[in-house]
Amino acid sequence: MFIIKPDMLTMFLEPLAGLAEDEVESVYYMSVPPQTEEDYRKIINERLKETFYQKEEKKRKLANLALRYYLSHPTIDFEGVFESILPPFDPPNPPRDFFFWIWEELYGGKEYRVTEEEYKMFTAK
């Protein structure tokens, strides 16, 4: 049984945490806010990808499971998870897209959808 919590998704966002309060970052993203899917994917690749892969494998696997679960069964407030880290820019609309793009950039063409059999192994908190 895997216990999945929405805050596990913040592991993907850690390099952006608190940057809303960073004057340089805030000014930059106010002047050049991400507006397109390509803008957000660029941020994922330049700011999130390398840091995520530097984490220990066990943490990466847990984050992967959480992301798969919540993308498959979007029962959480993706905007709330995104905003909770105080990033220097707003999420796309809908915010779930940002997490989907994280999946695509980190895991390529792998299927994210949780099967019915796998779903039975999860407990969401």
Protein backbone atom coordinates (compact mmCIF):
# COMPACT_ATOMS: atom_id res chain seq x y z
CA MET A 1 0.00 0.00 0.00
CA PHE A 2 1.30 3.43 -0.98
CA ILE A 3 0.15 6.50 0.93
CA ILE A 4 -0.05 9.42 -1.45
CA LYS A 5 -0.29 13.05 -0.32
CA PRO A 6 -0.61 16.16 -2.50
CA ASP A 7 2.48 17.70 -0.90
CA MET A 8 4.55 14.95 -2.53
CA LEU A 9 4.09 16.88 -5.77
CA THR A 10 6.01 19.83 -4.36
CA MET A 11 9.16 17.74 -4.66
CA PHE A 12 9.09 18.53 -8.39
CA LEU A 13 8.77 22.26 -7.67
CA GLU A 14 11.40 22.73 -4.96
CA PRO A 15 13.79 24.91 -7.05
CA LEU A 16 10.96 27.45 -7.39
CA ALA A 17 10.02 27.46 -3.71
CA GLY A 18 9.88 30.89 -2.14
CA LEU A 19 11.04 32.71 -5.25
CA ALA A 20 7.94 34.93 -5.19
CA GLU A 21 9.73 36.70 -2.35
CA ASP A 22 13.01 36.95 -4.26
CA GLU A 23 13.22 40.43 -5.75
CA VAL A 24 15.31 39.47 -8.78
CA GLU A 25 13.14 36.46 -9.67
CA SER A 26 9.90 38.36 -9.12
CA VAL A 27 10.97 41.27 -11.30
CA TYR A 28 12.15 38.90 -14.03
CA TYR A 29 8.89 36.95 -14.17
CA MET A 30 6.80 40.13 -13.95
CA SER A 31 8.59 41.45 -17.03
CA VAL A 32 8.63 38.12 -18.88
CA PRO A 33 5.81 35.99 -17.46
CA PRO A 34 5.38 32.50 -18.91
CA GLN A 35 2.35 32.53 -21.19
CA THR A 36 2.62 29.55 -23.50
CA GLU A 37 3.13 25.85 -23.05
CA GLU A 38 6.62 26.28 -24.48
CA ASP A 39 7.44 28.92 -21.84
CA TYR A 40 6.41 26.58 -19.04
CA ARG A 41 8.26 23.61 -20.56
CA LYS A 42 11.39 25.75 -20.79
CA ILE A 43 11.13 26.53 -17.06
CA ILE A 44 10.67 22.82 -16.30
CA ASN A 45 13.74 21.90 -18.32
CA GLU A 46 15.95 24.73 -17.11
CA ARG A 47 14.90 24.96 -13.47
CA LEU A 48 13.33 21.69 -12.32
CA LYS A 49 14.63 18.71 -14.26
CA GLU A 50 18.25 18.54 -13.13
CA THR A 51 17.44 19.19 -9.48
CA PHE A 52 14.80 16.46 -9.50
CA TYR A 53 17.21 13.88 -10.95
CA GLN A 54 19.75 14.73 -8.25
CA LYS A 55 17.39 13.50 -5.53
CA GLU A 56 17.80 10.02 -4.16
CA GLU A 57 16.08 7.32 -6.17
CA LYS A 58 13.58 6.40 -3.46
CA LYS A 59 12.27 9.99 -3.30
CA ARG A 60 12.05 10.19 -7.09
CA LYS A 61 10.02 6.98 -7.19
CA LEU A 62 7.58 8.22 -4.54
CA ALA A 63 7.16 11.53 -6.36
CA ASN A 64 6.62 9.62 -9.61
CA LEU A 65 3.86 7.53 -8.01
CA ALA A 66 2.19 10.62 -6.58
CA LEU A 67 2.30 12.42 -9.90
CA ARG A 68 0.90 9.39 -11.73
CA TYR A 69 -1.86 9.03 -9.18
CA TYR A 70 -2.96 12.66 -9.21
CA LEU A 71 -2.74 13.02 -12.98
CA SER A 72 -4.88 9.88 -13.31
CA HIS A 73 -7.36 10.87 -10.61
CA PRO A 74 -7.29 14.67 -10.38
CA THR A 75 -8.91 14.91 -6.97
CA ILE A 76 -6.60 17.62 -5.67
CA ASP A 77 -6.30 21.33 -6.13
CA PHE A 78 -3.32 21.55 -8.48
CA GLU A 79 -3.35 25.34 -8.20
CA GLY A 80 -3.17 25.08 -4.41
CA VAL A 81 -0.18 22.74 -4.61
CA PHE A 82 1.53 25.07 -7.10
CA GLU A 83 0.83 28.24 -5.11
CA SER A 84 1.85 26.64 -1.80
CA ILE A 85 5.53 26.87 -2.72
CA LEU A 86 5.33 30.61 -3.52
CA PRO A 87 6.71 30.44 -7.08
CA PRO A 88 7.68 33.64 -8.90
CA PHE A 89 5.02 33.21 -11.61
CA ASP A 90 1.43 32.09 -11.99
CA PRO A 91 0.47 28.60 -13.10
CA PRO A 92 -1.06 28.00 -16.52
CA ASN A 93 -4.79 27.62 -16.86
CA PRO A 94 -5.65 24.93 -15.92
CA PRO A 95 -2.85 24.43 -13.36
CA ARG A 96 -2.98 20.65 -13.87
CA ASP A 97 -1.26 21.26 -17.23
CA PHE A 98 1.94 22.32 -15.49
CA PHE A 99 2.14 18.98 -13.70
CA PHE A 100 1.28 17.12 -16.90
CA TRP A 101 4.11 18.95 -18.68
CA ILE A 102 6.45 18.02 -15.84
CA TRP A 103 5.48 14.39 -16.48
CA GLU A 104 6.15 14.68 -20.19
CA GLU A 105 9.48 16.46 -19.75
CA LEU A 106 10.78 14.08 -17.08
CA TYR A 107 9.34 10.79 -18.30
CA GLY A 108 8.89 11.30 -22.02
CA GLY A 109 6.39 8.99 -23.63
CA LYS A 110 5.79 6.79 -20.59
CA GLU A 111 2.18 6.23 -19.66
CA TYR A 112 1.14 8.07 -16.51
CA ARG A 113 -2.33 6.63 -16.10
CA VAL A 114 -2.71 4.36 -13.10
CA THR A 115 -4.41 1.08 -13.91
CA GLU A 116 -7.35 -0.17 -11.85
CA GLU A 117 -5.09 -2.81 -10.32
CA GLU A 118 -2.46 -0.21 -9.36
CA TYR A 119 -5.15 2.15 -8.07
CA LYS A 120 -6.09 -0.40 -5.43
CA MET A 121 -2.54 -0.12 -4.01
CA PHE A 122 -2.89 3.63 -3.26
CA THR A 123 -4.33 5.42 -0.27
CA ALA A 124 -4.70 9.16 -0.72
CA LYS A 125 -4.40 11.35 2.36
